[in-house]
Structure formats: structure tokens, C-alpha cells
Amino acid sequence: MTASSPDDTMSVRGALSPDELLTTTRSVRWRLDLTRSVPEELIDECIGIAVQAPSAQNAQNWHWIVVTDADLRRSIGGYYRQAYYTYLEEEVRQRIASGHETAGAPHQDAAERRQVHSSRYLADHMGEVPVLVVAAIDIGTPVLPDANQAGIWGSLLPAAWSYALAARARGLGTTWTMLHLRHEREIAELLRLPDTVFQGVLLPTAYYLGDTFRRAPRKPLSAVVHRNGW
């Protein structure tokens, strides 16, 4: 696959301002259109934007595994579903142990219920999403360092987010998920990744259903901004 150069990116859908793009790029799960194929050149455009992101020492050692094969998507979806339900069981046990929930009677507000519903939907249908993009990085060694890894992931994750923004600008929906990493080794074998390449994030990509997206509720800046110290 050859990603498009910036001069080739001509498929922006609509007139989103930079602020609108940055504040309305949402996690899309149950609104992903599982029935509509996504042109390969559109994915290439998004990756062409993504690789303009910075990387440590300008190494550009990111890699993008674009999965469209139905059998591969189904296999990855199976691992993802298994990881999701294991995570869900663990979370419920932790909430019960901490007293925040009783067995058989979860205490969730409306926002939590929506998130659980959409997350479960994605887990059950991940293998049906038209395009699965795995953003990965080659660190040149088969073992992650014990020391600070900020330089490694800081060289990949900004590019992955740029991909999500580029997809949003082109009428595509994505969501940022790392649950597949519970089966990172199995998926690496499935995709024949070298042992020096580590996966960072899975970005299921599809056209989305319904209208556009709004800003999400966030904590006030007074709760998160610290000036000249904590």
C-alpha cells in the first residue's frame, strides 16, 4: 500500500473548521455502517495525513496494517470480543468488591448505559467493520524497555489520532481501542508482524450512520488546569 502524499488529499467531505474537527471527532461504535465498503484510496489519504505527525528523531518508524480481508477481520473480531467480555467481567467484579455495585444490579447512569451498549455492540460486530487499521511501531528490538516509554508511544499515538481526524473530515467514523492488546501476540502472528513491531491502537473504520457529532461534556478547565504548579 502506498499512502497518498499531502498534495493528493482531495477527498475532504464537508467544511469542518479546525475547531469543529477537533471537538467533534467522537468514538463511533454502534453508528458504524457495517454494510458499506470503504475505498482503499480513502484509507490511504487518511494515512497520508497521519504520517505528517512528529516522531522522535524523525524516525518515522510507524507502520499501518490495513485489514480488509473478511477472514482476518473475523479472526481479529473474535479476539476482540473475547477480550471485551473478559474485561467486562473483571470490571464488574472490581465494582462489586469496592462496593460500587451489587451482583445482578449494576448502578449506571444514562451515559454509562449508552457507553456499555455501544461498546458491547462493537465487541459483537468488530469483525464486520469494513476496515480495521492497526497502528504499530518498529522499535528495533523484540523487548520493550523497562524505562520510560514516552518516546516510543509518543512517536505513534499522535499519528494515530491524526488518522482519526482525517477520517472524520472524510465522512468516516472511527473509535480508539486497545482491548485487542490482550491478545497482541495472537494478532501479531495472524498478521505476520515482525517481533520488533509493537501494536499501539486498533482503529475500526467505516462510514457512519445518522447525523454529525456534537461536543462531548467535559470537566471545567478549573478542575484540570494548574498554573505554575499543582
Protein backbone atom coordinates (compact mmCIF):
# COMPACT_ATOMS: atom_id res chain seq x y z
CA MET A 1 0.00 0.00 0.00
CA THR A 2 1.31 3.45 -0.86
CA ALA A 3 -0.13 6.28 1.20
CA SER A 4 -1.12 9.43 -0.65
CA SER A 5 1.09 12.48 -0.36
CA PRO A 6 -0.46 15.63 1.18
CA ASP A 7 -0.85 17.11 -2.32
CA ASP A 8 -3.02 14.16 -3.31
CA THR A 9 -5.53 14.50 -0.47
CA MET A 10 -8.61 15.88 -2.21
CA SER A 11 -11.40 13.89 -0.60
CA VAL A 12 -12.33 16.03 2.43
CA ARG A 13 -16.09 15.74 2.88
CA GLY A 14 -17.63 18.99 4.01
CA ALA A 15 -16.31 22.18 5.52
CA LEU A 16 -15.34 21.42 9.10
CA SER A 17 -13.37 24.19 10.75
CA PRO A 18 -10.26 23.11 12.68
CA ASP A 19 -12.05 23.72 15.98
CA GLU A 20 -15.11 21.73 14.90
CA LEU A 21 -12.94 18.86 13.67
CA LEU A 22 -11.01 18.73 16.95
CA THR A 23 -14.08 18.95 19.19
CA THR A 24 -16.49 16.66 17.33
CA THR A 25 -14.29 13.69 16.46
CA ARG A 26 -16.12 11.16 18.61
CA SER A 27 -15.79 7.46 19.27
CA VAL A 28 -18.14 5.80 16.79
CA ARG A 29 -19.28 2.29 17.66
CA TRP A 30 -22.92 1.36 17.04
CA ARG A 31 -23.21 4.01 14.31
CA LEU A 32 -20.55 2.40 12.13
CA ASP A 33 -22.06 1.35 8.80
CA LEU A 34 -21.17 -2.34 8.54
CA THR A 35 -22.75 -2.73 5.10
CA ARG A 36 -20.86 -0.10 3.10
CA SER A 37 -17.35 -0.69 1.83
CA VAL A 38 -14.68 1.98 2.23
CA PRO A 39 -12.47 2.78 -0.79
CA GLU A 40 -8.83 1.84 -0.25
CA GLU A 41 -7.69 5.20 -1.57
CA LEU A 42 -9.67 6.95 1.17
CA ILE A 43 -7.81 4.98 3.83
CA ASP A 44 -4.54 5.82 2.06
CA GLU A 45 -5.44 9.52 2.22
CA CYS A 46 -6.02 9.29 5.97
CA ILE A 47 -2.69 7.53 6.50
CA GLY A 48 -1.01 10.10 4.24
CA ILE A 49 -2.23 12.77 6.68
CA ALA A 50 -1.29 10.68 9.71
CA VAL A 51 2.36 10.31 8.74
CA GLN A 52 2.80 14.08 8.82
CA ALA A 53 2.74 13.79 12.63
CA PRO A 54 6.02 14.18 14.56
CA SER A 55 8.12 11.24 15.69
CA ALA A 56 11.17 11.05 17.94
CA GLN A 57 14.35 11.87 15.98
CA ASN A 58 12.12 11.93 12.90
CA ALA A 59 12.46 8.14 12.80
CA GLN A 60 9.01 7.68 11.21
CA ASN A 61 9.08 4.07 12.39
CA TRP A 62 5.33 3.69 12.48
CA HIS A 63 3.53 1.02 10.45
CA TRP A 64 -0.12 0.77 9.43
CA ILE A 65 -1.69 -2.63 8.97
CA VAL A 66 -4.89 -2.17 6.97
CA VAL A 67 -7.11 -5.22 7.29
CA THR A 68 -9.93 -5.66 4.79
CA ASP A 69 -9.80 -9.43 4.26
CA ALA A 70 -13.03 -10.90 5.64
CA ASP A 71 -11.40 -13.90 7.32
CA LEU A 72 -8.74 -11.76 9.00
CA ARG A 73 -11.33 -9.26 10.19
CA ARG A 74 -13.45 -12.09 11.58
CA SER A 75 -10.47 -13.55 13.44
CA ILE A 76 -9.44 -10.21 14.92
CA GLY A 77 -13.05 -9.58 15.83
CA GLY A 78 -13.15 -12.88 17.68
CA TYR A 79 -10.10 -11.97 19.76
CA TYR A 80 -11.55 -8.53 20.43
CA ARG A 81 -14.89 -9.94 21.55
CA GLN A 82 -13.16 -12.37 23.90
CA ALA A 83 -11.04 -9.55 25.36
CA TYR A 84 -14.08 -7.31 25.81
CA TYR A 85 -16.17 -9.79 27.75
CA THR A 86 -13.19 -10.76 29.92
CA TYR A 87 -12.66 -7.08 30.67
CA LEU A 88 -16.36 -6.62 31.44
CA GLU A 89 -16.34 -9.48 33.92
CA GLU A 90 -13.24 -8.11 35.62
CA GLU A 91 -14.72 -4.63 35.87
CA VAL A 92 -17.96 -5.89 37.42
CA ARG A 93 -16.00 -7.93 39.98
CA GLN A 94 -13.93 -4.88 40.88
CA ARG A 95 -17.00 -2.68 41.29
CA ILE A 96 -18.68 -5.26 43.49
CA ALA A 97 -15.54 -5.62 45.58
CA SER A 98 -15.31 -1.86 46.02
CA GLY A 99 -18.99 -1.57 46.99
CA HIS A 100 -19.96 0.48 43.93
CA GLU A 101 -22.18 -2.26 42.56
CA THR A 102 -24.15 -5.26 43.76
CA ALA A 103 -24.27 -8.56 41.90
CA GLY A 104 -27.03 -8.53 39.29
CA ALA A 105 -27.86 -4.86 39.88
CA PRO A 106 -25.31 -2.55 38.22
CA HIS A 107 -25.55 1.12 39.16
CA GLN A 108 -25.11 3.07 35.92
CA ASP A 109 -26.28 6.46 34.84
CA ALA A 110 -27.66 7.09 31.35
CA ALA A 111 -24.26 7.99 29.89
CA GLU A 112 -22.68 4.84 31.28
CA ARG A 113 -25.50 2.70 29.91
CA ARG A 114 -25.07 4.22 26.45
CA GLN A 115 -21.35 3.60 26.54
CA VAL A 116 -21.77 -0.01 27.68
CA HIS A 117 -24.39 -0.57 24.99
CA SER A 118 -22.21 0.85 22.22
CA SER A 119 -19.08 -0.91 23.48
CA ARG A 120 -20.86 -4.24 23.58
CA TYR A 121 -22.23 -3.67 20.10
CA LEU A 122 -18.73 -3.00 18.78
CA ALA A 123 -17.37 -6.09 20.53
CA ASP A 124 -20.07 -8.23 18.94
CA HIS A 125 -19.55 -6.74 15.47
CA MET A 126 -15.86 -5.80 15.30
CA GLY A 127 -15.21 -8.50 12.73
CA GLU A 128 -17.85 -6.97 10.45
CA VAL A 129 -16.36 -3.46 10.33
CA PRO A 130 -15.20 -2.91 6.72
CA VAL A 131 -11.68 -1.74 7.60
CA LEU A 132 -9.57 -2.44 10.67
CA VAL A 133 -6.44 -0.32 10.93
CA VAL A 134 -3.74 -1.36 13.38
CA ALA A 135 -1.22 1.40 14.12
CA ALA A 136 2.10 -0.12 15.16
CA ILE A 137 5.72 0.89 15.69
CA ASP A 138 9.02 -0.83 14.97
CA ILE A 139 11.38 -0.29 17.93
CA GLY A 140 14.21 -2.40 16.52
CA THR A 141 14.20 -4.91 19.37
CA PRO A 142 11.73 -7.63 20.42
CA VAL A 143 11.60 -6.37 24.03
CA LEU A 144 10.01 -3.13 25.21
CA PRO A 145 12.31 -1.20 27.58
CA ASP A 146 11.58 -1.08 31.30
CA ALA A 147 12.44 2.62 31.34
CA ASN A 148 10.16 5.48 30.29
CA GLN A 149 8.43 4.55 27.02
CA ALA A 150 7.04 8.01 26.29
CA GLY A 151 9.34 8.44 23.30
CA ILE A 152 8.10 5.19 21.76
CA TRP A 153 4.39 5.74 22.08
CA GLY A 154 4.72 9.50 21.61
CA SER A 155 6.08 8.67 18.16
CA LEU A 156 2.99 6.64 17.23
CA LEU A 157 -0.15 7.76 19.03
CA PRO A 158 -0.24 11.37 17.74
CA ALA A 159 -0.09 9.96 14.21
CA ALA A 160 -2.89 7.52 15.02
CA TRP A 161 -5.05 10.38 16.28
CA SER A 162 -4.27 12.34 13.11
CA TYR A 163 -5.63 9.34 11.21
CA ALA A 164 -8.87 9.54 13.21
CA LEU A 165 -9.18 13.27 12.50
CA ALA A 166 -8.52 12.76 8.79
CA ALA A 167 -11.16 10.02 8.72
CA ARG A 168 -13.70 12.30 10.42
CA ALA A 169 -13.03 15.02 7.85
CA ARG A 170 -13.79 12.49 5.12
CA GLY A 171 -17.13 11.30 6.49
CA LEU A 172 -15.71 8.22 8.19
CA GLY A 173 -16.17 7.11 11.78
CA THR A 174 -13.55 5.50 14.00
CA THR A 175 -13.03 4.61 17.62
CA TRP A 176 -9.82 4.35 19.62
CA THR A 177 -9.45 0.96 21.24
CA MET A 178 -6.64 -1.08 22.75
CA LEU A 179 -8.57 -4.07 24.08
CA HIS A 180 -7.16 -6.23 21.30
CA LEU A 181 -3.77 -5.94 23.03
CA ARG A 182 -4.92 -8.59 25.50
CA HIS A 183 -4.31 -10.89 22.52
CA GLU A 184 -1.46 -8.92 20.99
CA ARG A 185 0.72 -11.96 20.36
CA GLU A 186 -2.05 -13.95 18.65
CA ILE A 187 -2.98 -10.99 16.44
CA ALA A 188 0.69 -10.34 15.65
CA GLU A 189 1.00 -13.93 14.44
CA LEU A 190 -2.22 -13.61 12.48
CA LEU A 191 -0.90 -10.50 10.71
CA ARG A 192 2.67 -11.88 10.40
CA LEU A 193 4.20 -8.92 12.21
CA PRO A 194 7.97 -8.95 12.87
CA ASP A 195 8.84 -9.43 16.54
CA THR A 196 10.26 -5.89 16.72
CA VAL A 197 6.90 -4.36 15.79
CA PHE A 198 4.50 -3.50 18.61
CA GLN A 199 0.84 -2.64 18.17
CA GLY A 200 -0.38 0.61 19.70
CA VAL A 201 -4.05 1.05 18.83
CA LEU A 202 -6.80 -0.54 16.76
CA LEU A 203 -8.92 1.86 14.70
CA PRO A 204 -12.04 0.24 13.20
CA THR A 205 -13.07 2.46 10.31
CA ALA A 206 -16.32 2.78 8.39
CA TYR A 207 -18.80 5.30 7.09
CA TYR A 208 -21.15 6.30 9.89
CA LEU A 209 -24.93 6.32 10.13
CA GLY A 210 -27.08 9.26 11.13
CA ASP A 211 -26.19 12.90 11.53
CA THR A 212 -22.97 14.56 12.51
CA PHE A 213 -21.48 14.78 16.02
CA ARG A 214 -21.51 17.34 18.82
CA ARG A 215 -19.07 18.35 21.52
CA ALA A 216 -18.95 15.94 24.44
CA PRO A 217 -19.41 17.06 28.07
CA ARG A 218 -16.09 17.65 29.77
CA LYS A 219 -14.89 18.77 33.18
CA PRO A 220 -14.45 22.55 33.53
CA LEU A 221 -10.96 23.86 32.91
CA SER A 222 -10.79 24.98 36.54
CA ALA A 223 -10.73 21.29 37.51
CA VAL A 224 -7.84 20.31 35.25
CA VAL A 225 -5.67 23.38 34.62
CA HIS A 226 -2.82 24.13 37.06
CA ARG A 227 -0.75 27.27 36.67
CA ASN A 228 2.82 27.43 37.92
CA GLY A 229 2.36 24.21 39.88
CA TRP A 230 -0.35 21.83 41.02
